[in-house]
Amino acid sequence: MMPNMSMAGSVHSHPTPNTNPSGADLALFARIGDHHIIVGAPYNKRSWKCYDRQGKSRVLDVLDIEFDKDEIEDDFKWII
């Protein structure tokens, strides 16, 4: 994360299909951002859930967008 930028949230995985936030997850959610994704086994397009900072399930639309590789590299050279 770059300095002076706010975080949208977090993403992490659970080793089981259970994507419900744990107590530790809720403590993290309360500190940063408002979109927190938990991915559970089998780690496919439907095995994740998004939560707000209170741990309530929320809708997060997923967009299928193709990017031009050269355009991405030009936009993010400052990160590398």
N, C-alpha and C. Protein backbone atom coordinates (compact mmCIF):
# COMPACT_ATOMS: atom_id res chain seq x y z
N MET A 1 0.84 -1.18 0.00
CA MET A 1 0.00 0.00 0.00
C MET A 1 0.88 1.24 0.00
N MET A 2 0.54 2.18 -0.84
CA MET A 2 1.29 3.42 -0.94
C MET A 2 0.90 4.35 0.20
N PRO A 3 1.82 5.20 0.66
CA PRO A 3 1.49 6.14 1.74
C PRO A 3 0.35 7.07 1.33
N ASN A 4 -0.43 7.51 2.30
CA ASN A 4 -1.53 8.45 2.10
C ASN A 4 -2.65 7.92 1.23
N MET A 5 -2.75 6.63 1.10
CA MET A 5 -3.86 6.03 0.36
C MET A 5 -4.71 5.24 1.35
N SER A 6 -6.02 5.32 1.21
CA SER A 6 -6.87 4.56 2.12
C SER A 6 -7.10 3.16 1.56
N MET A 7 -7.36 2.22 2.45
CA MET A 7 -7.62 0.84 2.06
C MET A 7 -9.10 0.63 1.85
N ALA A 8 -9.43 -0.08 0.79
CA ALA A 8 -10.83 -0.43 0.53
C ALA A 8 -11.27 -1.56 1.45
N GLY A 9 -10.34 -2.41 1.87
CA GLY A 9 -10.67 -3.53 2.73
C GLY A 9 -9.59 -4.59 2.70
N SER A 10 -10.02 -5.85 2.74
CA SER A 10 -9.06 -6.95 2.79
C SER A 10 -9.60 -8.15 2.03
N VAL A 11 -8.69 -9.06 1.70
CA VAL A 11 -9.04 -10.33 1.08
C VAL A 11 -8.18 -11.40 1.73
N HIS A 12 -8.81 -12.48 2.16
CA HIS A 12 -8.04 -13.62 2.65
C HIS A 12 -8.86 -14.89 2.47
N SER A 13 -8.21 -16.03 2.69
CA SER A 13 -8.89 -17.31 2.48
C SER A 13 -9.02 -18.08 3.78
N HIS A 14 -10.00 -18.97 3.78
CA HIS A 14 -10.18 -19.94 4.85
C HIS A 14 -9.94 -21.32 4.24
N PRO A 15 -9.38 -22.26 5.01
CA PRO A 15 -9.05 -23.58 4.46
C PRO A 15 -10.26 -24.49 4.25
N THR A 16 -11.43 -24.07 4.71
CA THR A 16 -12.66 -24.86 4.57
C THR A 16 -13.67 -24.06 3.75
N PRO A 17 -14.81 -24.64 3.42
CA PRO A 17 -15.83 -23.89 2.69
C PRO A 17 -16.51 -22.80 3.54
N ASN A 18 -16.27 -22.77 4.83
CA ASN A 18 -16.89 -21.78 5.72
C ASN A 18 -16.27 -20.41 5.48
N THR A 19 -17.06 -19.49 4.94
CA THR A 19 -16.58 -18.13 4.68
C THR A 19 -17.08 -17.13 5.72
N ASN A 20 -17.65 -17.61 6.82
CA ASN A 20 -18.08 -16.70 7.88
C ASN A 20 -16.87 -16.10 8.59
N PRO A 21 -16.93 -14.81 8.92
CA PRO A 21 -15.79 -14.18 9.59
C PRO A 21 -15.61 -14.68 11.03
N SER A 22 -14.36 -14.89 11.40
CA SER A 22 -14.03 -15.28 12.77
C SER A 22 -13.94 -14.01 13.63
N GLY A 23 -13.70 -14.18 14.91
CA GLY A 23 -13.51 -13.03 15.80
C GLY A 23 -12.32 -12.19 15.36
N ALA A 24 -11.24 -12.86 14.96
CA ALA A 24 -10.05 -12.13 14.48
C ALA A 24 -10.37 -11.38 13.19
N ASP A 25 -11.16 -12.01 12.31
CA ASP A 25 -11.56 -11.32 11.08
C ASP A 25 -12.34 -10.05 11.40
N LEU A 26 -13.29 -10.16 12.32
CA LEU A 26 -14.12 -9.01 12.68
C LEU A 26 -13.28 -7.88 13.28
N ALA A 27 -12.28 -8.23 14.06
CA ALA A 27 -11.39 -7.21 14.64
C ALA A 27 -10.64 -6.48 13.52
N LEU A 28 -10.18 -7.21 12.51
CA LEU A 28 -9.51 -6.59 11.37
C LEU A 28 -10.48 -5.73 10.58
N PHE A 29 -11.67 -6.26 10.29
CA PHE A 29 -12.66 -5.53 9.50
C PHE A 29 -12.97 -4.17 10.14
N ALA A 30 -13.06 -4.13 11.46
CA ALA A 30 -13.41 -2.90 12.17
C ALA A 30 -12.33 -1.83 12.03
N ARG A 31 -11.09 -2.25 11.74
CA ARG A 31 -9.97 -1.30 11.67
C ARG A 31 -9.74 -0.70 10.30
N ILE A 32 -10.03 -1.45 9.24
CA ILE A 32 -9.69 -0.96 7.90
C ILE A 32 -10.81 -1.21 6.89
N GLY A 33 -11.03 -0.26 6.03
CA GLY A 33 -11.91 -0.43 4.89
C GLY A 33 -13.33 -0.84 5.21
N ASP A 34 -14.10 -1.05 4.14
CA ASP A 34 -15.49 -1.44 4.31
C ASP A 34 -15.91 -2.56 3.36
N HIS A 35 -14.94 -3.20 2.73
CA HIS A 35 -15.20 -4.34 1.85
C HIS A 35 -14.17 -5.41 2.17
N HIS A 36 -14.63 -6.51 2.74
CA HIS A 36 -13.72 -7.57 3.16
C HIS A 36 -14.19 -8.89 2.55
N ILE A 37 -13.31 -9.51 1.78
CA ILE A 37 -13.66 -10.74 1.09
C ILE A 37 -12.98 -11.93 1.76
N ILE A 38 -13.78 -12.96 2.00
CA ILE A 38 -13.26 -14.23 2.50
C ILE A 38 -13.56 -15.28 1.44
N VAL A 39 -12.53 -15.99 1.02
CA VAL A 39 -12.64 -17.05 0.02
C VAL A 39 -12.46 -18.38 0.74
N GLY A 40 -13.35 -19.33 0.47
CA GLY A 40 -13.25 -20.65 1.08
C GLY A 40 -13.07 -21.74 0.04
N ALA A 41 -12.62 -22.89 0.50
CA ALA A 41 -12.47 -24.04 -0.41
C ALA A 41 -13.82 -24.30 -1.08
N PRO A 42 -13.87 -24.61 -2.32
CA PRO A 42 -12.83 -25.05 -3.25
C PRO A 42 -12.18 -23.91 -4.03
N TYR A 43 -12.33 -22.67 -3.58
CA TYR A 43 -11.65 -21.51 -4.18
C TYR A 43 -12.03 -21.33 -5.65
N ASN A 44 -13.32 -21.23 -5.90
CA ASN A 44 -13.78 -20.98 -7.26
C ASN A 44 -14.57 -19.68 -7.32
N LYS A 45 -15.20 -19.41 -8.44
CA LYS A 45 -15.90 -18.13 -8.63
C LYS A 45 -17.06 -17.92 -7.67
N ARG A 46 -17.56 -19.01 -7.07
CA ARG A 46 -18.71 -18.87 -6.17
C ARG A 46 -18.39 -19.15 -4.71
N SER A 47 -17.14 -19.36 -4.38
CA SER A 47 -16.80 -19.74 -3.00
C SER A 47 -16.21 -18.58 -2.20
N TRP A 48 -16.78 -17.39 -2.38
CA TRP A 48 -16.33 -16.23 -1.62
C TRP A 48 -17.54 -15.42 -1.18
N LYS A 49 -17.32 -14.58 -0.20
CA LYS A 49 -18.37 -13.71 0.31
C LYS A 49 -17.72 -12.40 0.76
N CYS A 50 -18.46 -11.32 0.59
CA CYS A 50 -17.97 -9.99 0.99
C CYS A 50 -18.74 -9.52 2.23
N TYR A 51 -18.01 -8.84 3.13
CA TYR A 51 -18.60 -8.34 4.37
C TYR A 51 -18.24 -6.87 4.57
N ASP A 52 -19.08 -6.16 5.33
CA ASP A 52 -18.76 -4.78 5.70
C ASP A 52 -17.93 -4.79 6.98
N ARG A 53 -17.65 -3.62 7.54
CA ARG A 53 -16.77 -3.58 8.71
C ARG A 53 -17.41 -4.14 9.98
N GLN A 54 -18.73 -4.34 9.97
CA GLN A 54 -19.39 -4.97 11.12
C GLN A 54 -19.54 -6.49 10.92
N GLY A 55 -19.10 -7.00 9.77
CA GLY A 55 -19.22 -8.43 9.51
C GLY A 55 -20.53 -8.83 8.89
N LYS A 56 -21.31 -7.84 8.42
CA LYS A 56 -22.57 -8.13 7.74
C LYS A 56 -22.29 -8.39 6.26
N SER A 57 -22.94 -9.41 5.73
CA SER A 57 -22.77 -9.77 4.32
C SER A 57 -23.19 -8.59 3.44
N ARG A 58 -22.43 -8.34 2.38
CA ARG A 58 -22.77 -7.26 1.48
C ARG A 58 -22.56 -7.70 0.04
N VAL A 59 -23.26 -7.06 -0.86
CA VAL A 59 -23.14 -7.37 -2.28
C VAL A 59 -21.92 -6.65 -2.84
N LEU A 60 -21.14 -7.38 -3.60
CA LEU A 60 -19.99 -6.79 -4.28
C LEU A 60 -20.01 -7.33 -5.70
N ASP A 61 -20.34 -6.47 -6.64
CA ASP A 61 -20.40 -6.89 -8.04
C ASP A 61 -19.01 -7.19 -8.57
N VAL A 62 -18.90 -8.24 -9.35
CA VAL A 62 -17.64 -8.62 -9.98
C VAL A 62 -17.76 -8.30 -11.47
N LEU A 63 -16.82 -7.54 -11.95
CA LEU A 63 -16.82 -7.14 -13.36
C LEU A 63 -15.80 -7.96 -14.12
N ASP A 64 -16.16 -8.41 -15.29
CA ASP A 64 -15.25 -9.17 -16.15
C ASP A 64 -14.71 -8.21 -17.21
N ILE A 65 -13.53 -7.67 -16.95
CA ILE A 65 -12.94 -6.65 -17.81
C ILE A 65 -11.59 -7.12 -18.31
N GLU A 66 -11.36 -6.96 -19.58
CA GLU A 66 -10.04 -7.29 -20.14
C GLU A 66 -9.22 -6.01 -20.23
N PHE A 67 -7.97 -6.10 -19.83
CA PHE A 67 -7.07 -4.96 -19.86
C PHE A 67 -5.98 -5.19 -20.90
N ASP A 68 -5.57 -4.10 -21.52
CA ASP A 68 -4.44 -4.15 -22.44
C ASP A 68 -3.17 -4.19 -21.60
N LYS A 69 -2.34 -5.22 -21.80
CA LYS A 69 -1.13 -5.42 -21.00
C LYS A 69 -0.23 -4.18 -20.99
N ASP A 70 -0.02 -3.56 -22.16
CA ASP A 70 0.84 -2.38 -22.23
C ASP A 70 0.26 -1.22 -21.44
N GLU A 71 -1.04 -1.08 -21.47
CA GLU A 71 -1.71 -0.02 -20.74
C GLU A 71 -1.52 -0.20 -19.23
N ILE A 72 -1.63 -1.42 -18.76
CA ILE A 72 -1.45 -1.70 -17.33
C ILE A 72 -0.01 -1.41 -16.91
N GLU A 73 0.94 -1.86 -17.70
CA GLU A 73 2.34 -1.63 -17.36
C GLU A 73 2.66 -0.14 -17.31
N ASP A 74 2.10 0.65 -18.23
CA ASP A 74 2.34 2.09 -18.23
C ASP A 74 1.74 2.74 -16.99
N ASP A 75 0.54 2.31 -16.61
CA ASP A 75 -0.17 2.90 -15.47
C ASP A 75 0.48 2.56 -14.14
N PHE A 76 1.16 1.41 -14.05
CA PHE A 76 1.66 0.95 -12.76
C PHE A 76 3.18 0.84 -12.70
N LYS A 77 3.89 1.52 -13.57
CA LYS A 77 5.35 1.48 -13.52
C LYS A 77 5.90 1.99 -12.19
N TRP A 78 5.19 2.94 -11.57
CA TRP A 78 5.64 3.52 -10.32
C TRP A 78 5.61 2.51 -9.17
N ILE A 79 4.87 1.43 -9.32
CA ILE A 79 4.80 0.44 -8.26
C ILE A 79 6.01 -0.48 -8.29
N ILE A 80 6.48 -0.79 -9.49
CA ILE A 80 7.56 -1.77 -9.66
C ILE A 80 8.90 -1.22 -9.23
